[in-house]
Amino acid sequence: MTTTHHESTLVRRREIIDCARRIIATRGAHGLTTRDLAHGVGLSEGAIYRHFRSKKDVLLGLIDEIEETLFECIERAKEEGDAPLEQLANVLREHLSYTERRRGVSFIVISEVLSNGDRQLRHRMHLVVERYLRTVEGILQEGIQSGQIRPTIDPKAAAIALFGLVQGAVTLWHFTAREVPLAQRYQALWEVYRNGIVGEAPHG
């Protein structure tokens, strides 16, 4: 395979993945069909199958793309923060912003994978979520070591809590037809989270 052909194939795969993301954002994962993908990128259905063997293959490609783009945002958020608390605030803000820009596709895909029952899809998505939790957990551990975060805080549980804040906000956002921008919820969510990890531990 020549370099030019390889690059062309990668471009086509990216176009198909981008189209799949747009379809899922507007119609949900159940609305993702080969016919609509072909129409969206201007190819025949047969051409789609030359790049992806099935809808499952497209979803795997989309999960790869979600991981790549989400962690670009997270790494940027970490780099822009000088201290662990600032990094955590940036991660929450960037995750909400990322989700809003992409119309909540990552959480729609998570829901699809959970209901789908396919072991390969579930395993692949699980790896992405685990990587996210490990990243947040690492920041929390640094915060504990530096004295910014209470030493009694369980980093694993606190990482899950941050992920849960985003998931809960996105769920409500969808239920309310995205009337309130996710970015507007950031400050209140961050204050609740921050108070939970830096406040005084309960006595007794």
C-alpha atoms as a PDB file:
ATOM      1  CA  MET A   1       0.000   0.000   0.000  1.00  0.00           C
ATOM      2  CA  THR A   2       1.455   3.378  -1.006  1.00  0.00           C
ATOM      3  CA  THR A   3       1.757   6.212   1.490  1.00  0.00           C
ATOM      4  CA  THR A   4      -0.736   8.298  -0.481  1.00  0.00           C
ATOM      5  CA  HIS A   5      -3.298   5.494  -0.512  1.00  0.00           C
ATOM      6  CA  HIS A   6      -2.769   4.880   3.206  1.00  0.00           C
ATOM      7  CA  GLU A   7      -3.299   8.575   3.973  1.00  0.00           C
ATOM      8  CA  SER A   8      -6.406   8.597   1.790  1.00  0.00           C
ATOM      9  CA  THR A   9      -7.779   5.601   3.697  1.00  0.00           C
ATOM     10  CA  LEU A  10      -7.160   7.319   7.047  1.00  0.00           C
ATOM     11  CA  VAL A  11      -8.930  10.457   5.800  1.00  0.00           C
ATOM     12  CA  ARG A  12     -11.929   8.412   4.660  1.00  0.00           C
ATOM     13  CA  ARG A  13     -12.113   6.572   7.975  1.00  0.00           C
ATOM     14  CA  ARG A  14     -12.016   9.889   9.810  1.00  0.00           C
ATOM     15  CA  GLU A  15     -14.803  11.271   7.601  1.00  0.00           C
ATOM     16  CA  ILE A  16     -16.955   8.217   8.309  1.00  0.00           C
ATOM     17  CA  ILE A  17     -16.304   8.471  12.064  1.00  0.00           C
ATOM     18  CA  ASP A  18     -17.155  12.193  12.042  1.00  0.00           C
ATOM     19  CA  CYS A  19     -20.370  11.437  10.175  1.00  0.00           C
ATOM     20  CA  ALA A  20     -21.251   8.673  12.666  1.00  0.00           C
ATOM     21  CA  ARG A  21     -20.745  11.134  15.519  1.00  0.00           C
ATOM     22  CA  ARG A  22     -23.096  13.668  13.906  1.00  0.00           C
ATOM     23  CA  ILE A  23     -25.764  11.016  13.313  1.00  0.00           C
ATOM     24  CA  ILE A  24     -25.564   9.740  16.889  1.00  0.00           C
ATOM     25  CA  ALA A  25     -25.721  13.307  18.248  1.00  0.00           C
ATOM     26  CA  THR A  26     -29.009  13.962  16.437  1.00  0.00           C
ATOM     27  CA  ARG A  27     -30.688  10.551  16.318  1.00  0.00           C
ATOM     28  CA  GLY A  28     -28.973   8.385  18.877  1.00  0.00           C
ATOM     29  CA  ALA A  29     -26.950   5.243  18.259  1.00  0.00           C
ATOM     30  CA  HIS A  30     -30.051   3.365  17.022  1.00  0.00           C
ATOM     31  CA  GLY A  31     -30.205   5.830  14.119  1.00  0.00           C
ATOM     32  CA  LEU A  32     -26.751   4.908  12.891  1.00  0.00           C
ATOM     33  CA  THR A  33     -27.086   2.936   9.638  1.00  0.00           C
ATOM     34  CA  THR A  34     -24.694   2.128   6.825  1.00  0.00           C
ATOM     35  CA  ARG A  35     -27.081   3.776   4.386  1.00  0.00           C
ATOM     36  CA  ASP A  36     -27.045   7.073   6.283  1.00  0.00           C
ATOM     37  CA  LEU A  37     -23.280   6.909   6.696  1.00  0.00           C
ATOM     38  CA  ALA A  38     -22.853   6.390   2.972  1.00  0.00           C
ATOM     39  CA  HIS A  39     -25.169   9.305   2.210  1.00  0.00           C
ATOM     40  CA  GLY A  40     -23.422  11.523   4.761  1.00  0.00           C
ATOM     41  CA  VAL A  41     -19.945  11.073   3.307  1.00  0.00           C
ATOM     42  CA  GLY A  42     -20.945  10.672  -0.338  1.00  0.00           C
ATOM     43  CA  LEU A  43     -19.924   7.028  -0.726  1.00  0.00           C
ATOM     44  CA  SER A  44     -21.682   3.820  -1.648  1.00  0.00           C
ATOM     45  CA  GLU A  45     -22.586   1.375   1.119  1.00  0.00           C
ATOM     46  CA  GLY A  46     -20.043  -1.002  -0.376  1.00  0.00           C
ATOM     47  CA  ALA A  47     -17.349   1.647   0.054  1.00  0.00           C
ATOM     48  CA  ILE A  48     -18.289   2.046   3.708  1.00  0.00           C
ATOM     49  CA  TYR A  49     -17.761  -1.694   4.192  1.00  0.00           C
ATOM     50  CA  ARG A  50     -14.275  -1.418   2.720  1.00  0.00           C
ATOM     51  CA  HIS A  51     -13.366   0.785   5.694  1.00  0.00           C
ATOM     52  CA  PHE A  52     -15.574  -0.691   8.428  1.00  0.00           C
ATOM     53  CA  ARG A  53     -16.928  -4.226   8.400  1.00  0.00           C
ATOM     54  CA  SER A  54     -19.992  -3.483  10.545  1.00  0.00           C
ATOM     55  CA  LYS A  55     -21.779  -0.964  12.766  1.00  0.00           C
ATOM     56  CA  LYS A  56     -19.830  -2.431  15.665  1.00  0.00           C
ATOM     57  CA  ASP A  57     -16.592  -1.626  13.822  1.00  0.00           C
ATOM     58  CA  VAL A  58     -17.758   1.968  13.366  1.00  0.00           C
ATOM     59  CA  LEU A  59     -18.559   2.222  17.087  1.00  0.00           C
ATOM     60  CA  LEU A  60     -15.099   0.876  17.953  1.00  0.00           C
ATOM     61  CA  GLY A  61     -13.584   3.509  15.701  1.00  0.00           C
ATOM     62  CA  LEU A  62     -15.711   6.164  17.360  1.00  0.00           C
ATOM     63  CA  ILE A  63     -14.590   5.042  20.814  1.00  0.00           C
ATOM     64  CA  ASP A  64     -10.971   5.353  19.647  1.00  0.00           C
ATOM     65  CA  GLU A  65     -11.718   8.875  18.432  1.00  0.00           C
ATOM     66  CA  ILE A  66     -13.457   9.791  21.693  1.00  0.00           C
ATOM     67  CA  GLU A  67     -10.454   8.610  23.687  1.00  0.00           C
ATOM     68  CA  GLU A  68      -8.007  10.544  21.505  1.00  0.00           C
ATOM     69  CA  THR A  69      -9.899  13.847  21.552  1.00  0.00           C
ATOM     70  CA  LEU A  70     -11.041  13.679  25.186  1.00  0.00           C
ATOM     71  CA  PHE A  71      -7.539  13.052  26.492  1.00  0.00           C
ATOM     72  CA  GLU A  72      -6.140  15.850  24.363  1.00  0.00           C
ATOM     73  CA  CYS A  73      -8.501  18.129  26.312  1.00  0.00           C
ATOM     74  CA  ILE A  74      -7.599  16.569  29.647  1.00  0.00           C
ATOM     75  CA  GLU A  75      -3.846  16.819  29.079  1.00  0.00           C
ATOM     76  CA  ARG A  76      -4.253  20.457  28.063  1.00  0.00           C
ATOM     77  CA  ALA A  77      -6.311  21.074  31.208  1.00  0.00           C
ATOM     78  CA  LYS A  78      -3.579  19.542  33.363  1.00  0.00           C
ATOM     79  CA  GLU A  79      -0.835  21.559  31.684  1.00  0.00           C
ATOM     80  CA  GLU A  80      -2.738  24.813  32.282  1.00  0.00           C
ATOM     81  CA  GLY A  81      -2.972  24.180  36.029  1.00  0.00           C
ATOM     82  CA  ASP A  82      -0.031  24.815  38.348  1.00  0.00           C
ATOM     83  CA  ALA A  83      -1.465  22.920  41.328  1.00  0.00           C
ATOM     84  CA  PRO A  84      -3.646  19.797  41.707  1.00  0.00           C
ATOM     85  CA  LEU A  85      -6.825  21.699  42.667  1.00  0.00           C
ATOM     86  CA  GLU A  86      -6.453  23.985  39.663  1.00  0.00           C
ATOM     87  CA  GLN A  87      -5.856  20.966  37.433  1.00  0.00           C
ATOM     88  CA  LEU A  88      -9.004  19.258  38.747  1.00  0.00           C
ATOM     89  CA  ALA A  89     -11.053  22.417  38.157  1.00  0.00           C
ATOM     90  CA  ASN A  90      -9.665  22.619  34.623  1.00  0.00           C
ATOM     91  CA  VAL A  91     -10.429  18.951  33.937  1.00  0.00           C
ATOM     92  CA  LEU A  92     -14.048  19.387  35.052  1.00  0.00           C
ATOM     93  CA  ARG A  93     -14.464  22.549  32.995  1.00  0.00           C
ATOM     94  CA  GLU A  94     -12.830  21.070  29.905  1.00  0.00           C
ATOM     95  CA  HIS A  95     -14.796  17.829  30.143  1.00  0.00           C
ATOM     96  CA  LEU A  96     -18.083  19.747  30.304  1.00  0.00           C
ATOM     97  CA  SER A  97     -17.011  21.983  27.427  1.00  0.00           C
ATOM     98  CA  TYR A  98     -15.831  19.002  25.363  1.00  0.00           C
ATOM     99  CA  THR A  99     -19.119  17.179  25.956  1.00  0.00           C
ATOM    100  CA  GLU A 100     -21.186  20.201  24.997  1.00  0.00           C
ATOM    101  CA  ARG A 101     -19.216  20.833  21.798  1.00  0.00           C
ATOM    102  CA  ARG A 102     -19.770  17.241  20.771  1.00  0.00           C
ATOM    103  CA  ARG A 103     -23.418  17.249  21.884  1.00  0.00           C
ATOM    104  CA  GLY A 104     -22.968  14.547  24.497  1.00  0.00           C
ATOM    105  CA  VAL A 105     -21.929  11.838  22.030  1.00  0.00           C
ATOM    106  CA  SER A 106     -19.460  10.157  24.395  1.00  0.00           C
ATOM    107  CA  PHE A 107     -22.173   9.492  26.994  1.00  0.00           C
ATOM    108  CA  ILE A 108     -24.642   8.398  24.312  1.00  0.00           C
ATOM    109  CA  VAL A 109     -22.060   5.869  23.131  1.00  0.00           C
ATOM    110  CA  ILE A 110     -21.500   4.687  26.717  1.00  0.00           C
ATOM    111  CA  SER A 111     -25.257   4.104  27.059  1.00  0.00           C
ATOM    112  CA  GLU A 112     -25.357   2.281  23.724  1.00  0.00           C
ATOM    113  CA  VAL A 113     -22.429   0.054  24.705  1.00  0.00           C
ATOM    114  CA  LEU A 114     -24.009  -0.772  28.080  1.00  0.00           C
ATOM    115  CA  SER A 115     -27.304  -1.769  26.464  1.00  0.00           C
ATOM    116  CA  ASN A 116     -25.708  -3.481  23.474  1.00  0.00           C
ATOM    117  CA  GLY A 117     -24.200  -6.363  25.407  1.00  0.00           C
ATOM    118  CA  ASP A 118     -21.265  -6.798  23.015  1.00  0.00           C
ATOM    119  CA  ARG A 119     -18.246  -7.813  25.097  1.00  0.00           C
ATOM    120  CA  GLN A 120     -15.665  -6.210  22.823  1.00  0.00           C
ATOM    121  CA  LEU A 121     -17.453  -2.843  22.812  1.00  0.00           C
ATOM    122  CA  ARG A 122     -17.950  -2.957  26.574  1.00  0.00           C
ATOM    123  CA  HIS A 123     -14.294  -3.831  27.173  1.00  0.00           C
ATOM    124  CA  ARG A 124     -13.063  -1.059  24.875  1.00  0.00           C
ATOM    125  CA  MET A 125     -15.264   1.586  26.496  1.00  0.00           C
ATOM    126  CA  HIS A 126     -14.328   0.307  29.949  1.00  0.00           C
ATOM    127  CA  LEU A 127     -10.649   0.884  29.146  1.00  0.00           C
ATOM    128  CA  VAL A 128     -11.364   4.506  28.225  1.00  0.00           C
ATOM    129  CA  VAL A 129     -13.333   5.147  31.426  1.00  0.00           C
ATOM    130  CA  GLU A 130     -10.655   3.446  33.528  1.00  0.00           C
ATOM    131  CA  ARG A 131      -7.970   5.607  31.920  1.00  0.00           C
ATOM    132  CA  TYR A 132     -10.013   8.705  32.758  1.00  0.00           C
ATOM    133  CA  LEU A 133     -10.444   7.602  36.370  1.00  0.00           C
ATOM    134  CA  ARG A 134      -6.726   6.793  36.736  1.00  0.00           C
ATOM    135  CA  THR A 135      -5.823  10.229  35.393  1.00  0.00           C
ATOM    136  CA  VAL A 136      -8.108  12.027  37.840  1.00  0.00           C
ATOM    137  CA  GLU A 137      -7.006   9.728  40.663  1.00  0.00           C
ATOM    138  CA  GLY A 138      -3.383  10.652  39.966  1.00  0.00           C
ATOM    139  CA  ILE A 139      -4.166  14.364  40.298  1.00  0.00           C
ATOM    140  CA  LEU A 140      -6.043  13.710  43.541  1.00  0.00           C
ATOM    141  CA  GLN A 141      -3.115  11.759  44.968  1.00  0.00           C
ATOM    142  CA  GLU A 142      -0.798  14.664  44.145  1.00  0.00           C
ATOM    143  CA  GLY A 143      -3.236  16.979  45.915  1.00  0.00           C
ATOM    144  CA  ILE A 144      -3.185  14.797  49.030  1.00  0.00           C
ATOM    145  CA  GLN A 145       0.619  14.689  49.011  1.00  0.00           C
ATOM    146  CA  SER A 146       0.851  18.469  48.638  1.00  0.00           C
ATOM    147  CA  GLY A 147      -1.677  19.081  51.422  1.00  0.00           C
ATOM    148  CA  GLN A 148      -4.295  20.689  49.154  1.00  0.00           C
ATOM    149  CA  ILE A 149      -6.704  17.778  49.579  1.00  0.00           C
ATOM    150  CA  ARG A 150      -7.738  16.045  52.807  1.00  0.00           C
ATOM    151  CA  PRO A 151      -5.649  12.939  53.492  1.00  0.00           C
ATOM    152  CA  THR A 152      -8.833  11.054  54.431  1.00  0.00           C
ATOM    153  CA  ILE A 153     -10.167  11.339  50.884  1.00  0.00           C
ATOM    154  CA  ASP A 154     -10.252   8.086  48.895  1.00  0.00           C
ATOM    155  CA  PRO A 155      -8.752   9.057  45.494  1.00  0.00           C
ATOM    156  CA  LYS A 156     -10.547   6.239  43.634  1.00  0.00           C
ATOM    157  CA  ALA A 157     -13.944   7.211  45.020  1.00  0.00           C
ATOM    158  CA  ALA A 158     -13.273  10.919  44.441  1.00  0.00           C
ATOM    159  CA  ALA A 159     -12.311  10.221  40.804  1.00  0.00           C
ATOM    160  CA  ILE A 160     -15.587   8.336  40.288  1.00  0.00           C
ATOM    161  CA  ALA A 161     -17.446  11.243  41.886  1.00  0.00           C
ATOM    162  CA  LEU A 162     -15.960  13.713  39.387  1.00  0.00           C
ATOM    163  CA  PHE A 163     -16.904  11.471  36.477  1.00  0.00           C
ATOM    164  CA  GLY A 164     -20.378  11.127  37.989  1.00  0.00           C
ATOM    165  CA  LEU A 165     -20.786  14.913  38.209  1.00  0.00           C
ATOM    166  CA  VAL A 166     -20.212  15.207  34.477  1.00  0.00           C
ATOM    167  CA  GLN A 167     -22.472  12.260  33.679  1.00  0.00           C
ATOM    168  CA  GLY A 168     -25.270  13.638  35.844  1.00  0.00           C
ATOM    169  CA  ALA A 169     -24.973  17.116  34.314  1.00  0.00           C
ATOM    170  CA  VAL A 170     -25.034  15.682  30.796  1.00  0.00           C
ATOM    171  CA  THR A 171     -28.083  13.518  31.567  1.00  0.00           C
ATOM    172  CA  LEU A 172     -30.024  16.531  32.857  1.00  0.00           C
ATOM    173  CA  TRP A 173     -28.807  18.569  29.874  1.00  0.00           C
ATOM    174  CA  HIS A 174     -30.347  16.014  27.495  1.00  0.00           C
ATOM    175  CA  PHE A 175     -33.602  15.809  29.446  1.00  0.00           C
ATOM    176  CA  THR A 176     -34.010  19.589  29.265  1.00  0.00           C
ATOM    177  CA  ALA A 177     -33.325  19.679  25.507  1.00  0.00           C
ATOM    178  CA  ARG A 178     -29.957  21.340  26.161  1.00  0.00           C
ATOM    179  CA  GLU A 179     -31.650  24.578  27.209  1.00  0.00           C
ATOM    180  CA  VAL A 180     -29.019  25.437  29.836  1.00  0.00           C
ATOM    181  CA  PRO A 181     -25.428  25.306  28.537  1.00  0.00           C
ATOM    182  CA  LEU A 182     -23.268  22.835  30.412  1.00  0.00           C
ATOM    183  CA  ALA A 183     -20.661  25.538  30.895  1.00  0.00           C
ATOM    184  CA  GLN A 184     -23.118  27.449  33.107  1.00  0.00           C
ATOM    185  CA  ARG A 185     -23.234  24.533  35.532  1.00  0.00           C
ATOM    186  CA  TYR A 186     -19.455  24.325  35.907  1.00  0.00           C
ATOM    187  CA  GLN A 187     -18.955  26.780  38.774  1.00  0.00           C
ATOM    188  CA  ALA A 188     -21.677  25.329  41.014  1.00  0.00           C
ATOM    189  CA  LEU A 189     -20.528  21.769  40.330  1.00  0.00           C
ATOM    190  CA  TRP A 190     -16.912  22.671  41.030  1.00  0.00           C
ATOM    191  CA  GLU A 191     -17.772  24.372  44.331  1.00  0.00           C
ATOM    192  CA  VAL A 192     -19.642  21.265  45.516  1.00  0.00           C
ATOM    193  CA  TYR A 193     -16.788  18.980  44.475  1.00  0.00           C
ATOM    194  CA  ARG A 194     -14.055  21.223  45.857  1.00  0.00           C
ATOM    195  CA  ASN A 195     -15.794  21.593  49.230  1.00  0.00           C
ATOM    196  CA  GLY A 196     -16.077  17.830  49.419  1.00  0.00           C
ATOM    197  CA  ILE A 197     -12.378  17.180  49.003  1.00  0.00           C
ATOM    198  CA  VAL A 198     -10.805  20.111  50.839  1.00  0.00           C
ATOM    199  CA  GLY A 199     -13.331  20.763  53.638  1.00  0.00           C
ATOM    200  CA  GLU A 200     -12.829  19.688  57.210  1.00  0.00           C
ATOM    201  CA  ALA A 201     -13.402  16.002  57.859  1.00  0.00           C
ATOM    202  CA  PRO A 202     -16.484  15.351  60.048  1.00  0.00           C
ATOM    203  CA  HIS A 203     -15.823  14.827  63.745  1.00  0.00           C
ATOM    204  CA  GLY A 204     -17.060  11.952  65.835  1.00  0.00           C
END
